[in-house]
Amino acid sequence: MIANLDNILNFLPDIVQRKEVQSLLKEVSVVAGHLWERGWAERNAGNFSVDISGFFFKKELDKLSSYPFFPLNKAYSGIARSLFMISGAGTRMRHMAQNPVGYLCFIYIDSTGTAYHIIGGEKGDQTVKPTSELATHLAIHQYLRQKKAVEKVVLHAHVTELIALTQLPGFNNKERLNQILLGMHPEALFYIPQGFGFVPYFLPGTEKIARQTVLALEKSRTIIWEKHGCLSVGTNFTEVFDNLDILAKLARVYFLCKSAGVEPTGLTEGQMAEIRNSVPLI
């Protein structure tokens, strides 16, 4: 069904000019720059999404109900009639840092959760398509919505240190990774007290990696993808970036010890229990 094209073209400025979205765009610019500078977003690597449905009245979102839609491979009824800001497929974080609006799109999920409409391109030309990891992002947002979680932001990046770590024999399981990494620095437990999840290798962009990531989110808000990178959910871009940054730092400490020819001792179980039972002073 084709709607009035004037309405389609006019709605993008309404979204971008909303003060809450303007604030998000500033965060995107900063974090995209950090990802590029750290080497975690080579070429078109890295992607993100934000549930921005709460920034708009229901009647505003209803304007999108008759727009032309692209079919989804599965139904996401839990996020039907929702609006998301999402990074564009093939776009570069180094470009996103300079001009976020030009390299992301807004997608609206239809009333059945089986299709989406793209509101993208500064003139509504729909040239910017959503990231190839769309299935994972939608699955996560549906999970967060169903759990009534406060987290609305999802960030994935190719964190070099974590990709390297999961290439090593014996570092392809959650228990081993948590034991080693959380033992590298005491303050890690203040920020990631529940530890982090782990998803074994699956083909990127598939329903399989989406399902396994949602299962891992049941116990953790930051997930390592084997040989692929890391993903985190949070309330804002600063929080999710910090979660990736902390894990990268822990992996760097581990590699520095190994490069010095020693096996790091890490914190003992008793020391880690003491930290978990303490009140953070930071």
C-alpha atoms as a PDB file:
ATOM      1  CA  MET A   1       0.000   0.000   0.000  1.00  0.00           C
ATOM      2  CA  ILE A   2       1.442   3.367  -0.995  1.00  0.00           C
ATOM      3  CA  ALA A   3       0.643   6.285   1.267  1.00  0.00           C
ATOM      4  CA  ASN A   4       0.717  10.006   0.595  1.00  0.00           C
ATOM      5  CA  LEU A   5       4.393  10.626  -0.249  1.00  0.00           C
ATOM      6  CA  ASP A   6       4.254  14.151   1.162  1.00  0.00           C
ATOM      7  CA  ASN A   7       3.573  12.653   4.601  1.00  0.00           C
ATOM      8  CA  ILE A   8       6.525  10.291   4.252  1.00  0.00           C
ATOM      9  CA  LEU A   9       8.899  13.092   3.317  1.00  0.00           C
ATOM     10  CA  ASN A  10       7.677  15.391   6.065  1.00  0.00           C
ATOM     11  CA  PHE A  11       7.954  12.953   8.955  1.00  0.00           C
ATOM     12  CA  LEU A  12      11.761  12.645   8.935  1.00  0.00           C
ATOM     13  CA  PRO A  13      12.323  16.287  10.025  1.00  0.00           C
ATOM     14  CA  ASP A  14       9.713  15.756  12.753  1.00  0.00           C
ATOM     15  CA  ILE A  15      11.806  12.884  14.092  1.00  0.00           C
ATOM     16  CA  VAL A  16      15.242  14.454  13.756  1.00  0.00           C
ATOM     17  CA  GLN A  17      14.218  17.775  15.274  1.00  0.00           C
ATOM     18  CA  ARG A  18      12.730  16.217  18.410  1.00  0.00           C
ATOM     19  CA  LYS A  19      14.928  17.344  21.307  1.00  0.00           C
ATOM     20  CA  GLU A  20      15.366  13.805  22.655  1.00  0.00           C
ATOM     21  CA  VAL A  21      16.556  12.622  19.256  1.00  0.00           C
ATOM     22  CA  GLN A  22      18.901  15.601  18.951  1.00  0.00           C
ATOM     23  CA  SER A  23      20.458  14.546  22.247  1.00  0.00           C
ATOM     24  CA  LEU A  24      20.880  10.982  20.968  1.00  0.00           C
ATOM     25  CA  LEU A  25      22.522  12.197  17.784  1.00  0.00           C
ATOM     26  CA  LYS A  26      25.145  14.045  19.807  1.00  0.00           C
ATOM     27  CA  GLU A  27      25.873  10.847  21.747  1.00  0.00           C
ATOM     28  CA  VAL A  28      26.072   8.880  18.503  1.00  0.00           C
ATOM     29  CA  SER A  29      28.611  11.314  17.091  1.00  0.00           C
ATOM     30  CA  VAL A  30      30.875  10.981  20.127  1.00  0.00           C
ATOM     31  CA  VAL A  31      30.644   7.201  20.474  1.00  0.00           C
ATOM     32  CA  ALA A  32      31.042   6.573  16.738  1.00  0.00           C
ATOM     33  CA  GLY A  33      34.261   8.589  16.910  1.00  0.00           C
ATOM     34  CA  HIS A  34      35.500   6.519  19.851  1.00  0.00           C
ATOM     35  CA  LEU A  35      34.756   3.249  18.028  1.00  0.00           C
ATOM     36  CA  TRP A  36      36.694   4.373  14.980  1.00  0.00           C
ATOM     37  CA  GLU A  37      39.658   5.701  16.970  1.00  0.00           C
ATOM     38  CA  ARG A  38      39.975   2.427  18.909  1.00  0.00           C
ATOM     39  CA  GLY A  39      39.892   0.346  15.756  1.00  0.00           C
ATOM     40  CA  TRP A  40      36.640  -1.374  16.708  1.00  0.00           C
ATOM     41  CA  ALA A  41      34.780  -0.213  13.602  1.00  0.00           C
ATOM     42  CA  GLU A  42      36.905  -0.985  10.558  1.00  0.00           C
ATOM     43  CA  ARG A  43      35.248  -0.268   7.221  1.00  0.00           C
ATOM     44  CA  ASN A  44      31.481  -0.612   7.886  1.00  0.00           C
ATOM     45  CA  ALA A  45      31.864  -2.592  11.131  1.00  0.00           C
ATOM     46  CA  GLY A  46      29.776  -1.840  14.196  1.00  0.00           C
ATOM     47  CA  ASN A  47      26.083  -1.115  14.505  1.00  0.00           C
ATOM     48  CA  PHE A  48      23.557   0.222  16.981  1.00  0.00           C
ATOM     49  CA  SER A  49      19.862   0.771  17.546  1.00  0.00           C
ATOM     50  CA  VAL A  50      17.692   2.776  19.924  1.00  0.00           C
ATOM     51  CA  ASP A  51      14.021   2.359  20.773  1.00  0.00           C
ATOM     52  CA  ILE A  52      12.698   5.914  20.385  1.00  0.00           C
ATOM     53  CA  SER A  53       8.989   5.064  20.448  1.00  0.00           C
ATOM     54  CA  GLY A  54       8.624   6.767  23.818  1.00  0.00           C
ATOM     55  CA  PHE A  55       9.612  10.136  22.345  1.00  0.00           C
ATOM     56  CA  PHE A  56       6.424  10.311  20.278  1.00  0.00           C
ATOM     57  CA  PHE A  57       2.700  10.291  20.909  1.00  0.00           C
ATOM     58  CA  LYS A  58       0.795   7.287  19.655  1.00  0.00           C
ATOM     59  CA  LYS A  59      -1.115   9.428  17.166  1.00  0.00           C
ATOM     60  CA  GLU A  60       2.190  10.536  15.629  1.00  0.00           C
ATOM     61  CA  LEU A  61       3.319   6.953  15.108  1.00  0.00           C
ATOM     62  CA  ASP A  62      -0.080   6.043  13.683  1.00  0.00           C
ATOM     63  CA  LYS A  63       0.722   8.307  10.732  1.00  0.00           C
ATOM     64  CA  LEU A  64       3.141   5.611   9.587  1.00  0.00           C
ATOM     65  CA  SER A  65       0.644   2.746   9.582  1.00  0.00           C
ATOM     66  CA  SER A  66      -0.168   2.959   5.861  1.00  0.00           C
ATOM     67  CA  TYR A  67       3.352   3.446   4.523  1.00  0.00           C
ATOM     68  CA  PRO A  68       4.960   0.897   2.143  1.00  0.00           C
ATOM     69  CA  PHE A  69       6.687  -1.847   4.131  1.00  0.00           C
ATOM     70  CA  PHE A  70       9.576  -4.277   3.736  1.00  0.00           C
ATOM     71  CA  PRO A  71       8.766  -7.815   4.969  1.00  0.00           C
ATOM     72  CA  LEU A  72      10.657  -9.328   7.918  1.00  0.00           C
ATOM     73  CA  ASN A  73      11.763 -12.974   8.052  1.00  0.00           C
ATOM     74  CA  LYS A  74       9.818 -13.498  11.273  1.00  0.00           C
ATOM     75  CA  ALA A  75       7.201 -11.708  13.343  1.00  0.00           C
ATOM     76  CA  TYR A  76       8.146  -9.343  16.187  1.00  0.00           C
ATOM     77  CA  SER A  77       4.704  -8.777  17.663  1.00  0.00           C
ATOM     78  CA  GLY A  78       6.196  -7.492  20.930  1.00  0.00           C
ATOM     79  CA  ILE A  79       7.499  -4.350  19.201  1.00  0.00           C
ATOM     80  CA  ALA A  80       4.697  -3.800  16.706  1.00  0.00           C
ATOM     81  CA  ARG A  81       3.941  -0.116  16.001  1.00  0.00           C
ATOM     82  CA  SER A  82       7.339   0.936  17.343  1.00  0.00           C
ATOM     83  CA  LEU A  83       9.959   3.352  16.021  1.00  0.00           C
ATOM     84  CA  PHE A  84      13.701   2.730  16.119  1.00  0.00           C
ATOM     85  CA  MET A  85      16.805   4.722  15.247  1.00  0.00           C
ATOM     86  CA  ILE A  86      19.312   2.335  13.700  1.00  0.00           C
ATOM     87  CA  SER A  87      22.682   2.488  11.983  1.00  0.00           C
ATOM     88  CA  GLY A  88      22.702   2.049   8.228  1.00  0.00           C
ATOM     89  CA  ALA A  89      24.033  -0.972   6.362  1.00  0.00           C
ATOM     90  CA  GLY A  90      27.417  -0.339   4.762  1.00  0.00           C
ATOM     91  CA  THR A  91      27.958   2.952   6.591  1.00  0.00           C
ATOM     92  CA  ARG A  92      31.181   3.929   8.364  1.00  0.00           C
ATOM     93  CA  MET A  93      31.455   4.991  11.988  1.00  0.00           C
ATOM     94  CA  ARG A  94      34.100   7.540  11.001  1.00  0.00           C
ATOM     95  CA  HIS A  95      31.471   9.192   8.803  1.00  0.00           C
ATOM     96  CA  MET A  96      28.767   8.754  11.440  1.00  0.00           C
ATOM     97  CA  ALA A  97      30.912  10.757  13.846  1.00  0.00           C
ATOM     98  CA  GLN A  98      30.765  13.751  11.512  1.00  0.00           C
ATOM     99  CA  ASN A  99      27.165  13.496  10.303  1.00  0.00           C
ATOM    100  CA  PRO A 100      24.980  10.943  12.134  1.00  0.00           C
ATOM    101  CA  VAL A 101      21.758  11.750  10.280  1.00  0.00           C
ATOM    102  CA  GLY A 102      23.320  10.991   6.919  1.00  0.00           C
ATOM    103  CA  TYR A 103      24.333   7.463   7.902  1.00  0.00           C
ATOM    104  CA  LEU A 104      21.462   6.103   9.933  1.00  0.00           C
ATOM    105  CA  CYS A 105      17.793   5.470   9.360  1.00  0.00           C
ATOM    106  CA  PHE A 106      14.581   5.279  11.324  1.00  0.00           C
ATOM    107  CA  ILE A 107      12.407   2.214  10.956  1.00  0.00           C
ATOM    108  CA  TYR A 108       8.790   1.736  11.957  1.00  0.00           C
ATOM    109  CA  ILE A 109       7.504  -1.782  12.683  1.00  0.00           C
ATOM    110  CA  ASP A 110       3.997  -2.341  11.352  1.00  0.00           C
ATOM    111  CA  SER A 111       0.949  -3.319  13.441  1.00  0.00           C
ATOM    112  CA  THR A 112       1.532  -7.048  12.915  1.00  0.00           C
ATOM    113  CA  GLY A 113       5.276  -7.003  13.630  1.00  0.00           C
ATOM    114  CA  THR A 114       5.953  -8.682  10.284  1.00  0.00           C
ATOM    115  CA  ALA A 115       7.275  -5.758   8.261  1.00  0.00           C
ATOM    116  CA  TYR A 116       9.003  -2.401   8.608  1.00  0.00           C
ATOM    117  CA  HIS A 117       9.085   0.937   6.845  1.00  0.00           C
ATOM    118  CA  ILE A 118      12.306   2.903   6.381  1.00  0.00           C
ATOM    119  CA  ILE A 119      12.330   6.605   7.122  1.00  0.00           C
ATOM    120  CA  GLY A 120      15.822   7.520   6.041  1.00  0.00           C
ATOM    121  CA  GLY A 121      17.943   9.789   3.928  1.00  0.00           C
ATOM    122  CA  GLU A 122      17.736  13.502   4.548  1.00  0.00           C
ATOM    123  CA  LYS A 123      15.222  13.840   1.710  1.00  0.00           C
ATOM    124  CA  GLY A 124      13.329  10.657   2.483  1.00  0.00           C
ATOM    125  CA  ASP A 125      14.844   8.835  -0.504  1.00  0.00           C
ATOM    126  CA  GLN A 126      15.204   5.588   1.464  1.00  0.00           C
ATOM    127  CA  THR A 127      18.786   5.011   0.271  1.00  0.00           C
ATOM    128  CA  VAL A 128      19.968   4.123   3.793  1.00  0.00           C
ATOM    129  CA  LYS A 129      18.955   0.575   4.725  1.00  0.00           C
ATOM    130  CA  PRO A 130      19.183  -0.789   8.293  1.00  0.00           C
ATOM    131  CA  THR A 131      22.225  -2.765   9.454  1.00  0.00           C
ATOM    132  CA  SER A 132      22.624  -6.383   8.348  1.00  0.00           C
ATOM    133  CA  GLU A 133      22.362  -7.314  12.061  1.00  0.00           C
ATOM    134  CA  LEU A 134      18.744  -6.124  12.051  1.00  0.00           C
ATOM    135  CA  ALA A 135      17.431  -9.508  13.240  1.00  0.00           C
ATOM    136  CA  THR A 136      19.539  -9.345  16.389  1.00  0.00           C
ATOM    137  CA  HIS A 137      18.583  -5.755  17.146  1.00  0.00           C
ATOM    138  CA  LEU A 138      14.855  -6.396  16.755  1.00  0.00           C
ATOM    139  CA  ALA A 139      15.018  -9.590  18.814  1.00  0.00           C
ATOM    140  CA  ILE A 140      16.810  -7.741  21.612  1.00  0.00           C
ATOM    141  CA  HIS A 141      14.380  -4.819  21.611  1.00  0.00           C
ATOM    142  CA  GLN A 142      11.444  -7.216  21.705  1.00  0.00           C
ATOM    143  CA  TYR A 143      13.029  -8.997  24.679  1.00  0.00           C
ATOM    144  CA  LEU A 144      13.688  -5.699  26.494  1.00  0.00           C
ATOM    145  CA  ARG A 145      10.133  -4.505  25.844  1.00  0.00           C
ATOM    146  CA  GLN A 146       8.641  -7.758  27.125  1.00  0.00           C
ATOM    147  CA  LYS A 147      10.781  -7.526  30.276  1.00  0.00           C
ATOM    148  CA  LYS A 148       9.781  -3.864  30.753  1.00  0.00           C
ATOM    149  CA  ALA A 149      13.497  -3.127  30.921  1.00  0.00           C
ATOM    150  CA  VAL A 150      14.816   0.421  31.159  1.00  0.00           C
ATOM    151  CA  GLU A 151      17.504  -0.274  28.566  1.00  0.00           C
ATOM    152  CA  LYS A 152      16.723   1.179  25.132  1.00  0.00           C
ATOM    153  CA  VAL A 153      20.156   1.293  23.438  1.00  0.00           C
ATOM    154  CA  VAL A 154      21.963  -1.619  21.751  1.00  0.00           C
ATOM    155  CA  LEU A 155      25.575  -1.323  20.554  1.00  0.00           C
ATOM    156  CA  HIS A 156      27.727  -3.898  18.763  1.00  0.00           C
ATOM    157  CA  ALA A 157      31.384  -3.396  17.816  1.00  0.00           C
ATOM    158  CA  HIS A 158      34.379  -5.436  16.700  1.00  0.00           C
ATOM    159  CA  VAL A 159      36.368  -5.034  19.898  1.00  0.00           C
ATOM    160  CA  THR A 160      39.831  -6.149  18.803  1.00  0.00           C
ATOM    161  CA  GLU A 161      41.022  -7.422  22.171  1.00  0.00           C
ATOM    162  CA  LEU A 162      37.963  -9.632  22.651  1.00  0.00           C
ATOM    163  CA  ILE A 163      38.136 -11.048  19.134  1.00  0.00           C
ATOM    164  CA  ALA A 164      41.774 -11.974  19.795  1.00  0.00           C
ATOM    165  CA  LEU A 165      41.004 -13.486  23.196  1.00  0.00           C
ATOM    166  CA  THR A 166      38.297 -15.798  21.877  1.00  0.00           C
ATOM    167  CA  GLN A 167      40.698 -17.079  19.217  1.00  0.00           C
ATOM    168  CA  LEU A 168      42.778 -18.709  21.970  1.00  0.00           C
ATOM    169  CA  PRO A 169      42.190 -22.362  22.883  1.00  0.00           C
ATOM    170  CA  GLY A 170      40.111 -22.681  26.040  1.00  0.00           C
ATOM    171  CA  PHE A 171      38.622 -19.180  25.807  1.00  0.00           C
ATOM    172  CA  ASN A 172      35.440 -20.150  24.046  1.00  0.00           C
ATOM    173  CA  ASN A 173      33.138 -20.481  27.036  1.00  0.00           C
ATOM    174  CA  LYS A 174      31.446 -18.091  29.455  1.00  0.00           C
ATOM    175  CA  GLU A 175      32.888 -19.501  32.684  1.00  0.00           C
ATOM    176  CA  ARG A 176      36.516 -19.332  31.587  1.00  0.00           C
ATOM    177  CA  LEU A 177      36.188 -15.821  30.139  1.00  0.00           C
ATOM    178  CA  ASN A 178      34.472 -14.456  33.239  1.00  0.00           C
ATOM    179  CA  GLN A 179      37.016 -16.035  35.559  1.00  0.00           C
ATOM    180  CA  ILE A 180      39.975 -14.594  33.664  1.00  0.00           C
ATOM    181  CA  LEU A 181      38.683 -11.157  32.723  1.00  0.00           C
ATOM    182  CA  LEU A 182      36.876 -10.202  35.934  1.00  0.00           C
ATOM    183  CA  GLY A 183      40.014 -11.205  37.827  1.00  0.00           C
ATOM    184  CA  MET A 184      42.165  -8.674  35.981  1.00  0.00           C
ATOM    185  CA  HIS A 185      40.980  -5.611  37.910  1.00  0.00           C
ATOM    186  CA  PRO A 186      38.884  -5.181  41.075  1.00  0.00           C
ATOM    187  CA  GLU A 187      36.707  -2.357  39.788  1.00  0.00           C
ATOM    188  CA  ALA A 188      35.392  -4.473  36.907  1.00  0.00           C
ATOM    189  CA  LEU A 189      32.987  -6.134  39.339  1.00  0.00           C
ATOM    190  CA  PHE A 190      31.580  -2.756  40.373  1.00  0.00           C
ATOM    191  CA  TYR A 191      30.496  -2.063  36.807  1.00  0.00           C
ATOM    192  CA  ILE A 192      29.700  -5.583  35.620  1.00  0.00           C
ATOM    193  CA  PRO A 193      28.679  -7.327  38.859  1.00  0.00           C
ATOM    194  CA  GLN A 194      26.641  -9.976  37.057  1.00  0.00           C
ATOM    195  CA  GLY A 195      29.518 -10.810  34.717  1.00  0.00           C
ATOM    196  CA  PHE A 196      29.065 -10.983  30.977  1.00  0.00           C
ATOM    197  CA  GLY A 197      27.508 -13.443  28.586  1.00  0.00           C
ATOM    198  CA  PHE A 198      29.049 -15.425  25.770  1.00  0.00           C
ATOM    199  CA  VAL A 199      27.659 -16.538  22.421  1.00  0.00           C
ATOM    200  CA  PRO A 200      29.634 -19.115  20.418  1.00  0.00           C
ATOM    201  CA  TYR A 201      30.301 -18.393  16.773  1.00  0.00           C
ATOM    202  CA  PHE A 202      27.311 -18.162  14.447  1.00  0.00           C
ATOM    203  CA  LEU A 203      27.061 -16.644  10.996  1.00  0.00           C
ATOM    204  CA  PRO A 204      26.631 -12.857  11.468  1.00  0.00           C
ATOM    205  CA  GLY A 205      23.227 -11.400  10.697  1.00  0.00           C
ATOM    206  CA  THR A 206      21.320 -14.651  11.200  1.00  0.00           C
ATOM    207  CA  GLU A 207      18.362 -15.630  13.355  1.00  0.00           C
ATOM    208  CA  LYS A 208      20.635 -18.115  15.162  1.00  0.00           C
ATOM    209  CA  ILE A 209      22.948 -15.464  16.584  1.00  0.00           C
ATOM    210  CA  ALA A 210      19.911 -13.324  17.428  1.00  0.00           C
ATOM    211  CA  ARG A 211      18.274 -16.139  19.429  1.00  0.00           C
ATOM    212  CA  GLN A 212      21.448 -17.017  21.312  1.00  0.00           C
ATOM    213  CA  THR A 213      22.115 -13.381  22.162  1.00  0.00           C
ATOM    214  CA  VAL A 214      18.640 -12.929  23.631  1.00  0.00           C
ATOM    215  CA  LEU A 215      19.135 -16.060  25.740  1.00  0.00           C
ATOM    216  CA  ALA A 216      22.455 -14.672  27.009  1.00  0.00           C
ATOM    217  CA  LEU A 217      20.777 -11.381  27.951  1.00  0.00           C
ATOM    218  CA  GLU A 218      18.702 -13.222  30.545  1.00  0.00           C
ATOM    219  CA  LYS A 219      21.715 -13.047  32.877  1.00  0.00           C
ATOM    220  CA  SER A 220      23.984 -10.357  31.445  1.00  0.00           C
ATOM    221  CA  ARG A 221      23.712  -6.975  29.760  1.00  0.00           C
ATOM    222  CA  THR A 222      27.034  -7.297  27.934  1.00  0.00           C
ATOM    223  CA  ILE A 223      27.739 -10.228  25.611  1.00  0.00           C
ATOM    224  CA  ILE A 224      30.938 -11.414  23.937  1.00  0.00           C
ATOM    225  CA  TRP A 225      30.443 -12.928  20.472  1.00  0.00           C
ATOM    226  CA  GLU A 226      33.121 -15.549  19.784  1.00  0.00           C
ATOM    227  CA  LYS A 227      35.657 -14.378  17.175  1.00  0.00           C
ATOM    228  CA  HIS A 228      33.334 -11.487  16.295  1.00  0.00           C
ATOM    229  CA  GLY A 229      33.286  -8.819  18.999  1.00  0.00           C
ATOM    230  CA  CYS A 230      30.970  -7.639  21.720  1.00  0.00           C
ATOM    231  CA  LEU A 231      27.447  -6.310  22.248  1.00  0.00           C
ATOM    232  CA  SER A 232      25.890  -4.381  25.109  1.00  0.00           C
ATOM    233  CA  VAL A 233      22.519  -2.941  26.044  1.00  0.00           C
ATOM    234  CA  GLY A 234      22.010   0.097  28.269  1.00  0.00           C
ATOM    235  CA  THR A 235      20.082   3.257  28.953  1.00  0.00           C
ATOM    236  CA  ASN A 236      22.339   5.503  26.853  1.00  0.00           C
ATOM    237  CA  PHE A 237      25.286   5.397  24.463  1.00  0.00           C
ATOM    238  CA  THR A 238      27.844   6.307  27.098  1.00  0.00           C
ATOM    239  CA  GLU A 239      26.832   3.330  29.221  1.00  0.00           C
ATOM    240  CA  VAL A 240      26.985   0.758  26.433  1.00  0.00           C
ATOM    241  CA  PHE A 241      30.299   2.071  25.120  1.00  0.00           C
ATOM    242  CA  ASP A 242      31.772   1.989  28.632  1.00  0.00           C
ATOM    243  CA  ASN A 243      30.744  -1.649  28.992  1.00  0.00           C
ATOM    244  CA  LEU A 244      32.685  -2.571  25.855  1.00  0.00           C
ATOM    245  CA  ASP A 245      35.611  -0.401  26.919  1.00  0.00           C
ATOM    246  CA  ILE A 246      35.872  -2.093  30.308  1.00  0.00           C
ATOM    247  CA  LEU A 247      36.025  -5.563  28.772  1.00  0.00           C
ATOM    248  CA  ALA A 248      38.626  -4.401  26.271  1.00  0.00           C
ATOM    249  CA  LYS A 249      40.769  -3.024  29.118  1.00  0.00           C
ATOM    250  CA  LEU A 250      40.561  -6.306  31.014  1.00  0.00           C
ATOM    251  CA  ALA A 251      41.619  -8.242  27.912  1.00  0.00           C
ATOM    252  CA  ARG A 252      44.525  -5.836  27.356  1.00  0.00           C
ATOM    253  CA  VAL A 253      45.761  -6.382  30.902  1.00  0.00           C
ATOM    254  CA  TYR A 254      45.656 -10.130  30.329  1.00  0.00           C
ATOM    255  CA  PHE A 255      47.607  -9.863  27.074  1.00  0.00           C
ATOM    256  CA  LEU A 256      50.180  -7.523  28.636  1.00  0.00           C
ATOM    257  CA  CYS A 257      50.899 -10.084  31.342  1.00  0.00           C
ATOM    258  CA  LYS A 258      51.168 -12.856  28.777  1.00  0.00           C
ATOM    259  CA  SER A 259      53.462 -10.770  26.582  1.00  0.00           C
ATOM    260  CA  ALA A 260      55.742 -10.331  29.596  1.00  0.00           C
ATOM    261  CA  GLY A 261      56.027 -14.109  29.753  1.00  0.00           C
ATOM    262  CA  VAL A 262      53.904 -14.678  32.847  1.00  0.00           C
ATOM    263  CA  GLU A 263      50.495 -16.142  33.500  1.00  0.00           C
ATOM    264  CA  PRO A 264      48.443 -13.479  35.364  1.00  0.00           C
ATOM    265  CA  THR A 265      47.320 -14.624  38.788  1.00  0.00           C
ATOM    266  CA  GLY A 266      44.123 -12.582  38.811  1.00  0.00           C
ATOM    267  CA  LEU A 267      41.967 -11.958  41.840  1.00  0.00           C
ATOM    268  CA  THR A 268      41.232 -14.914  44.081  1.00  0.00           C
ATOM    269  CA  GLU A 269      37.681 -16.180  44.598  1.00  0.00           C
ATOM    270  CA  GLY A 270      37.818 -14.734  48.116  1.00  0.00           C
ATOM    271  CA  GLN A 271      38.864 -11.316  46.853  1.00  0.00           C
ATOM    272  CA  MET A 272      36.127 -11.327  44.227  1.00  0.00           C
ATOM    273  CA  ALA A 273      33.510 -12.305  46.819  1.00  0.00           C
ATOM    274  CA  GLU A 274      34.699  -9.461  49.041  1.00  0.00           C
ATOM    275  CA  ILE A 275      34.292  -6.996  46.187  1.00  0.00           C
ATOM    276  CA  ARG A 276      30.797  -8.258  45.366  1.00  0.00           C
ATOM    277  CA  ASN A 277      29.745  -7.768  48.980  1.00  0.00           C
ATOM    278  CA  SER A 278      31.209  -4.284  49.299  1.00  0.00           C
ATOM    279  CA  VAL A 279      29.707  -0.890  48.538  1.00  0.00           C
ATOM    280  CA  PRO A 280      31.483   0.691  45.548  1.00  0.00           C
ATOM    281  CA  LEU A 281      33.265   3.923  46.427  1.00  0.00           C
ATOM    282  CA  ILE A 282      33.516   5.131  42.822  1.00  0.00           C
END
